[in-house]
Amino acid sequence: ASDGAVEILTITAEQITGRIDARLDND
């Protein structure tokens, strides 16, 4: 998928939180 974006919202020593909008055609 090369349409959309990924945003990393937080990074700690244990985890990250983020959001994703990834698309290619119907996927």
PDB file of all heavy atoms in Angstrom:
ATOM      1  N   ALA A   1       0.847  -1.195   0.000  1.00  0.00           N
ATOM      2  CA  ALA A   1       0.000   0.000   0.000  1.00  0.00           C
ATOM      3  C   ALA A   1       0.882   1.244   0.000  1.00  0.00           C
ATOM      4  O   ALA A   1       1.745   1.397   0.861  1.00  0.00           O
ATOM      5  CB  ALA A   1      -0.907  -0.004   1.225  1.00  0.00           C
ATOM      6  N   SER A   2       0.631   2.119  -0.958  1.00  0.00           N
ATOM      7  CA  SER A   2       1.401   3.362  -1.048  1.00  0.00           C
ATOM      8  C   SER A   2       0.493   4.586  -0.997  1.00  0.00           C
ATOM      9  O   SER A   2       0.939   5.692  -1.261  1.00  0.00           O
ATOM     10  CB  SER A   2       2.256   3.372  -2.319  1.00  0.00           C
ATOM     11  OG  SER A   2       1.443   3.211  -3.460  1.00  0.00           O
ATOM     12  N   ASP A   3      -0.772   4.385  -0.661  1.00  0.00           N
ATOM     13  CA  ASP A   3      -1.710   5.494  -0.469  1.00  0.00           C
ATOM     14  C   ASP A   3      -2.096   5.538   1.004  1.00  0.00           C
ATOM     15  O   ASP A   3      -2.417   4.505   1.587  1.00  0.00           O
ATOM     16  CB  ASP A   3      -2.982   5.301  -1.302  1.00  0.00           C
ATOM     17  CG  ASP A   3      -2.714   5.411  -2.791  1.00  0.00           C
ATOM     18  OD1 ASP A   3      -1.815   6.176  -3.183  1.00  0.00           O
ATOM     19  OD2 ASP A   3      -3.404   4.727  -3.567  1.00  0.00           O
ATOM     20  N   GLY A   4      -2.064   6.736   1.596  1.00  0.00           N
ATOM     21  CA  GLY A   4      -2.445   6.905   2.988  1.00  0.00           C
ATOM     22  C   GLY A   4      -1.289   7.410   3.818  1.00  0.00           C
ATOM     23  O   GLY A   4      -0.397   8.106   3.327  1.00  0.00           O
ATOM     24  N   ALA A   5      -1.282   7.037   5.105  1.00  0.00           N
ATOM     25  CA  ALA A   5      -0.244   7.495   6.027  1.00  0.00           C
ATOM     26  C   ALA A   5      -0.237   6.622   7.274  1.00  0.00           C
ATOM     27  O   ALA A   5      -1.209   5.913   7.567  1.00  0.00           O
ATOM     28  CB  ALA A   5      -0.482   8.952   6.423  1.00  0.00           C
ATOM     29  N   VAL A   6       0.865   6.691   7.991  1.00  0.00           N
ATOM     30  CA  VAL A   6       0.994   6.111   9.321  1.00  0.00           C
ATOM     31  C   VAL A   6       1.431   7.250  10.232  1.00  0.00           C
ATOM     32  O   VAL A   6       2.317   8.024   9.873  1.00  0.00           O
ATOM     33  CB  VAL A   6       2.045   4.980   9.372  1.00  0.00           C
ATOM     34  CG1 VAL A   6       2.279   4.515  10.806  1.00  0.00           C
ATOM     35  CG2 VAL A   6       1.637   3.818   8.494  1.00  0.00           C
ATOM     36  N   GLU A   7       0.786   7.359  11.391  1.00  0.00           N
ATOM     37  CA  GLU A   7       1.194   8.372  12.354  1.00  0.00           C
ATOM     38  C   GLU A   7       1.549   7.686  13.664  1.00  0.00           C
ATOM     39  O   GLU A   7       0.746   6.929  14.207  1.00  0.00           O
ATOM     40  CB  GLU A   7       0.095   9.401  12.585  1.00  0.00           C
ATOM     41  CG  GLU A   7       0.544  10.527  13.492  1.00  0.00           C
ATOM     42  CD  GLU A   7      -0.454  11.660  13.587  1.00  0.00           C
ATOM     43  OE1 GLU A   7      -1.661  11.449  13.315  1.00  0.00           O
ATOM     44  OE2 GLU A   7      -0.030  12.762  13.959  1.00  0.00           O
ATOM     45  N   ILE A   8       2.761   7.935  14.132  1.00  0.00           N
ATOM     46  CA  ILE A   8       3.190   7.444  15.437  1.00  0.00           C
ATOM     47  C   ILE A   8       2.870   8.550  16.431  1.00  0.00           C
ATOM     48  O   ILE A   8       3.372   9.673  16.309  1.00  0.00           O
ATOM     49  CB  ILE A   8       4.689   7.090  15.446  1.00  0.00           C
ATOM     50  CG1 ILE A   8       4.998   6.032  14.377  1.00  0.00           C
ATOM     51  CG2 ILE A   8       5.123   6.623  16.828  1.00  0.00           C
ATOM     52  CD1 ILE A   8       4.208   4.738  14.492  1.00  0.00           C
ATOM     53  N   LEU A   9       2.027   8.234  17.403  1.00  0.00           N
ATOM     54  CA  LEU A   9       1.557   9.232  18.364  1.00  0.00           C
ATOM     55  C   LEU A   9       2.400   9.283  19.628  1.00  0.00           C
ATOM     56  O   LEU A   9       2.684  10.362  20.149  1.00  0.00           O
ATOM     57  CB  LEU A   9       0.088   8.966  18.719  1.00  0.00           C
ATOM     58  CG  LEU A   9      -0.887   8.977  17.537  1.00  0.00           C
ATOM     59  CD1 LEU A   9      -2.252   8.461  17.955  1.00  0.00           C
ATOM     60  CD2 LEU A   9      -0.989  10.375  16.947  1.00  0.00           C
ATOM     61  N   THR A  10       2.775   8.110  20.162  1.00  0.00           N
ATOM     62  CA  THR A  10       3.604   8.055  21.369  1.00  0.00           C
ATOM     63  C   THR A  10       4.600   6.917  21.255  1.00  0.00           C
ATOM     64  O   THR A  10       4.329   5.896  20.605  1.00  0.00           O
ATOM     65  CB  THR A  10       2.763   7.824  22.646  1.00  0.00           C
ATOM     66  OG1 THR A  10       2.151   6.541  22.576  1.00  0.00           O
ATOM     67  CG2 THR A  10       1.710   8.905  22.831  1.00  0.00           C
ATOM     68  N   ILE A  11       5.745   7.100  21.910  1.00  0.00           N
ATOM     69  CA  ILE A  11       6.753   6.042  22.028  1.00  0.00           C
ATOM     70  C   ILE A  11       7.205   6.034  23.485  1.00  0.00           C
ATOM     71  O   ILE A  11       7.630   7.061  24.014  1.00  0.00           O
ATOM     72  CB  ILE A  11       7.976   6.289  21.121  1.00  0.00           C
ATOM     73  CG1 ILE A  11       7.563   6.379  19.652  1.00  0.00           C
ATOM     74  CG2 ILE A  11       9.017   5.191  21.334  1.00  0.00           C
ATOM     75  CD1 ILE A  11       8.705   6.704  18.699  1.00  0.00           C
ATOM     76  N   THR A  12       7.085   4.869  24.131  1.00  0.00           N
ATOM     77  CA  THR A  12       7.609   4.685  25.481  1.00  0.00           C
ATOM     78  C   THR A  12       8.606   3.535  25.424  1.00  0.00           C
ATOM     79  O   THR A  12       8.824   2.939  24.357  1.00  0.00           O
ATOM     80  CB  THR A  12       6.485   4.356  26.489  1.00  0.00           C
ATOM     81  OG1 THR A  12       5.961   3.057  26.196  1.00  0.00           O
ATOM     82  CG2 THR A  12       5.375   5.403  26.450  1.00  0.00           C
ATOM     83  N   ALA A  13       9.167   3.174  26.562  1.00  0.00           N
ATOM     84  CA  ALA A  13      10.115   2.056  26.613  1.00  0.00           C
ATOM     85  C   ALA A  13       9.428   0.723  26.333  1.00  0.00           C
ATOM     86  O   ALA A  13      10.074  -0.227  25.890  1.00  0.00           O
ATOM     87  CB  ALA A  13      10.798   2.014  27.976  1.00  0.00           C
ATOM     88  N   GLU A  14       8.111   0.655  26.569  1.00  0.00           N
ATOM     89  CA  GLU A  14       7.372  -0.601  26.406  1.00  0.00           C
ATOM     90  C   GLU A  14       6.585  -0.706  25.110  1.00  0.00           C
ATOM     91  O   GLU A  14       6.379  -1.801  24.593  1.00  0.00           O
ATOM     92  CB  GLU A  14       6.377  -0.803  27.565  1.00  0.00           C
ATOM     93  CG  GLU A  14       6.995  -0.968  28.926  1.00  0.00           C
ATOM     94  CD  GLU A  14       7.354   0.368  29.571  1.00  0.00           C
ATOM     95  OE1 GLU A  14       6.653   1.363  29.314  1.00  0.00           O
ATOM     96  OE2 GLU A  14       8.348   0.409  30.305  1.00  0.00           O
ATOM     97  N   GLN A  15       6.090   0.421  24.576  1.00  0.00           N
ATOM     98  CA  GLN A  15       5.163   0.337  23.446  1.00  0.00           C
ATOM     99  C   GLN A  15       5.121   1.629  22.640  1.00  0.00           C
ATOM    100  O   GLN A  15       5.645   2.646  23.059  1.00  0.00           O
ATOM    101  CB  GLN A  15       3.757   0.026  23.945  1.00  0.00           C
ATOM    102  CG  GLN A  15       3.136   1.155  24.759  1.00  0.00           C
ATOM    103  CD  GLN A  15       1.761   0.814  25.299  1.00  0.00           C
ATOM    104  OE1 GLN A  15       1.420  -0.357  25.467  1.00  0.00           O
ATOM    105  NE2 GLN A  15       0.961   1.827  25.562  1.00  0.00           N
ATOM    106  N   ILE A  16       4.472   1.524  21.502  1.00  0.00           N
ATOM    107  CA  ILE A  16       4.124   2.721  20.731  1.00  0.00           C
ATOM    108  C   ILE A  16       2.625   2.695  20.478  1.00  0.00           C
ATOM    109  O   ILE A  16       2.003   1.630  20.469  1.00  0.00           O
ATOM    110  CB  ILE A  16       4.869   2.829  19.382  1.00  0.00           C
ATOM    111  CG1 ILE A  16       4.443   1.724  18.421  1.00  0.00           C
ATOM    112  CG2 ILE A  16       6.366   2.834  19.571  1.00  0.00           C
ATOM    113  CD1 ILE A  16       4.866   1.987  17.012  1.00  0.00           C
ATOM    114  N   THR A  17       2.061   3.871  20.292  1.00  0.00           N
ATOM    115  CA  THR A  17       0.685   3.968  19.836  1.00  0.00           C
ATOM    116  C   THR A  17       0.703   4.732  18.530  1.00  0.00           C
ATOM    117  O   THR A  17       1.561   5.601  18.312  1.00  0.00           O
ATOM    118  CB  THR A  17      -0.227   4.696  20.850  1.00  0.00           C
ATOM    119  OG1 THR A  17       0.249   6.022  21.035  1.00  0.00           O
ATOM    120  CG2 THR A  17      -0.278   3.955  22.168  1.00  0.00           C
ATOM    121  N   GLY A  18      -0.226   4.395  17.683  1.00  0.00           N
ATOM    122  CA  GLY A  18      -0.275   5.067  16.393  1.00  0.00           C
ATOM    123  C   GLY A  18      -1.606   4.855  15.717  1.00  0.00           C
ATOM    124  O   GLY A  18      -2.536   4.254  16.274  1.00  0.00           O
ATOM    125  N   ARG A  19      -1.663   5.363  14.515  1.00  0.00           N
ATOM    126  CA  ARG A  19      -2.847   5.162  13.680  1.00  0.00           C
ATOM    127  C   ARG A  19      -2.383   4.987  12.244  1.00  0.00           C
ATOM    128  O   ARG A  19      -1.296   5.438  11.866  1.00  0.00           O
ATOM    129  CB  ARG A  19      -3.854   6.278  13.850  1.00  0.00           C
ATOM    130  CG  ARG A  19      -3.310   7.668  13.682  1.00  0.00           C
ATOM    131  CD  ARG A  19      -4.315   8.684  14.160  1.00  0.00           C
ATOM    132  NE  ARG A  19      -3.854  10.030  13.836  1.00  0.00           N
ATOM    133  CZ  ARG A  19      -4.612  11.091  13.886  1.00  0.00           C
ATOM    134  NH1 ARG A  19      -5.880  10.986  14.220  1.00  0.00           N
ATOM    135  NH2 ARG A  19      -4.135  12.272  13.590  1.00  0.00           N
ATOM    136  N   ILE A  20      -3.218   4.312  11.478  1.00  0.00           N
ATOM    137  CA  ILE A  20      -2.832   3.927  10.123  1.00  0.00           C
ATOM    138  C   ILE A  20      -4.014   4.121   9.179  1.00  0.00           C
ATOM    139  O   ILE A  20      -5.162   3.911   9.556  1.00  0.00           O
ATOM    140  CB  ILE A  20      -2.353   2.446  10.121  1.00  0.00           C
ATOM    141  CG1 ILE A  20      -1.823   2.026   8.754  1.00  0.00           C
ATOM    142  CG2 ILE A  20      -3.449   1.516  10.611  1.00  0.00           C
ATOM    143  CD1 ILE A  20      -1.126   0.665   8.780  1.00  0.00           C
ATOM    144  N   ASP A  21      -3.708   4.557   7.983  1.00  0.00           N
ATOM    145  CA  ASP A  21      -4.649   4.565   6.862  1.00  0.00           C
ATOM    146  C   ASP A  21      -3.824   4.125   5.664  1.00  0.00           C
ATOM    147  O   ASP A  21      -3.096   4.922   5.078  1.00  0.00           O
ATOM    148  CB  ASP A  21      -5.245   5.955   6.638  1.00  0.00           C
ATOM    149  CG  ASP A  21      -6.097   6.027   5.367  1.00  0.00           C
ATOM    150  OD1 ASP A  21      -6.426   4.970   4.804  1.00  0.00           O
ATOM    151  OD2 ASP A  21      -6.415   7.148   4.927  1.00  0.00           O
ATOM    152  N   ALA A  22      -3.855   2.828   5.357  1.00  0.00           N
ATOM    153  CA  ALA A  22      -3.064   2.260   4.265  1.00  0.00           C
ATOM    154  C   ALA A  22      -4.013   1.636   3.255  1.00  0.00           C
ATOM    155  O   ALA A  22      -4.875   0.835   3.623  1.00  0.00           O
ATOM    156  CB  ALA A  22      -2.095   1.216   4.803  1.00  0.00           C
ATOM    157  N   ARG A  23      -3.843   1.989   1.959  1.00  0.00           N
ATOM    158  CA  ARG A  23      -4.781   1.539   0.927  1.00  0.00           C
ATOM    159  C   ARG A  23      -4.056   1.188  -0.369  1.00  0.00           C
ATOM    160  O   ARG A  23      -3.078   1.813  -0.733  1.00  0.00           O
ATOM    161  CB  ARG A  23      -5.760   2.662   0.596  1.00  0.00           C
ATOM    162  CG  ARG A  23      -6.653   3.088   1.700  1.00  0.00           C
ATOM    163  CD  ARG A  23      -7.490   4.308   1.297  1.00  0.00           C
ATOM    164  NE  ARG A  23      -6.902   5.507   1.881  1.00  0.00           N
ATOM    165  CZ  ARG A  23      -6.208   6.431   1.244  1.00  0.00           C
ATOM    166  NH1 ARG A  23      -5.999   6.345  -0.026  1.00  0.00           N
ATOM    167  NH2 ARG A  23      -5.730   7.479   1.881  1.00  0.00           N
ATOM    168  N   LEU A  24      -4.609   0.207  -1.053  1.00  0.00           N
ATOM    169  CA  LEU A  24      -4.268  -0.083  -2.441  1.00  0.00           C
ATOM    170  C   LEU A  24      -5.479  -0.777  -3.055  1.00  0.00           C
ATOM    171  O   LEU A  24      -5.833  -1.894  -2.634  1.00  0.00           O
ATOM    172  CB  LEU A  24      -3.029  -0.964  -2.580  1.00  0.00           C
ATOM    173  CG  LEU A  24      -2.639  -1.262  -4.030  1.00  0.00           C
ATOM    174  CD1 LEU A  24      -2.168   0.012  -4.736  1.00  0.00           C
ATOM    175  CD2 LEU A  24      -1.574  -2.330  -4.107  1.00  0.00           C
ATOM    176  N   ASP A  25      -6.125  -0.091  -3.987  1.00  0.00           N
ATOM    177  CA  ASP A  25      -7.336  -0.599  -4.629  1.00  0.00           C
ATOM    178  C   ASP A  25      -8.389  -0.962  -3.579  1.00  0.00           C
ATOM    179  O   ASP A  25      -8.762  -0.128  -2.783  1.00  0.00           O
ATOM    180  CB  ASP A  25      -7.013  -1.762  -5.565  1.00  0.00           C
ATOM    181  CG  ASP A  25      -6.044  -1.350  -6.681  1.00  0.00           C
ATOM    182  OD1 ASP A  25      -6.112  -0.190  -7.125  1.00  0.00           O
ATOM    183  OD2 ASP A  25      -5.224  -2.189  -7.090  1.00  0.00           O
ATOM    184  N   ASN A  26      -8.819  -2.236  -3.521  1.00  0.00           N
ATOM    185  CA  ASN A  26      -9.863  -2.653  -2.576  1.00  0.00           C
ATOM    186  C   ASN A  26      -9.306  -3.140  -1.244  1.00  0.00           C
ATOM    187  O   ASN A  26     -10.063  -3.537  -0.362  1.00  0.00           O
ATOM    188  CB  ASN A  26     -10.728  -3.756  -3.199  1.00  0.00           C
ATOM    189  CG  ASN A  26     -11.512  -3.240  -4.377  1.00  0.00           C
ATOM    190  OD1 ASN A  26     -11.979  -2.103  -4.382  1.00  0.00           O
ATOM    191  ND2 ASN A  26     -11.655  -4.073  -5.401  1.00  0.00           N
ATOM    192  N   ASP A  27      -7.994  -3.151  -1.107  1.00  0.00           N
ATOM    193  CA  ASP A  27      -7.360  -3.609   0.129  1.00  0.00           C
ATOM    194  C   ASP A  27      -7.012  -2.398   0.980  1.00  0.00           C
ATOM    195  O   ASP A  27      -6.478  -1.407   0.479  1.00  0.00           O
ATOM    196  CB  ASP A  27      -6.104  -4.420  -0.196  1.00  0.00           C
ATOM    197  CG  ASP A  27      -6.432  -5.634  -1.042  1.00  0.00           C
ATOM    198  OD1 ASP A  27      -7.159  -6.508  -0.546  1.00  0.00           O
ATOM    199  OD2 ASP A  27      -5.975  -5.692  -2.200  1.00  0.00           O
TER     200      ASP A  27
END
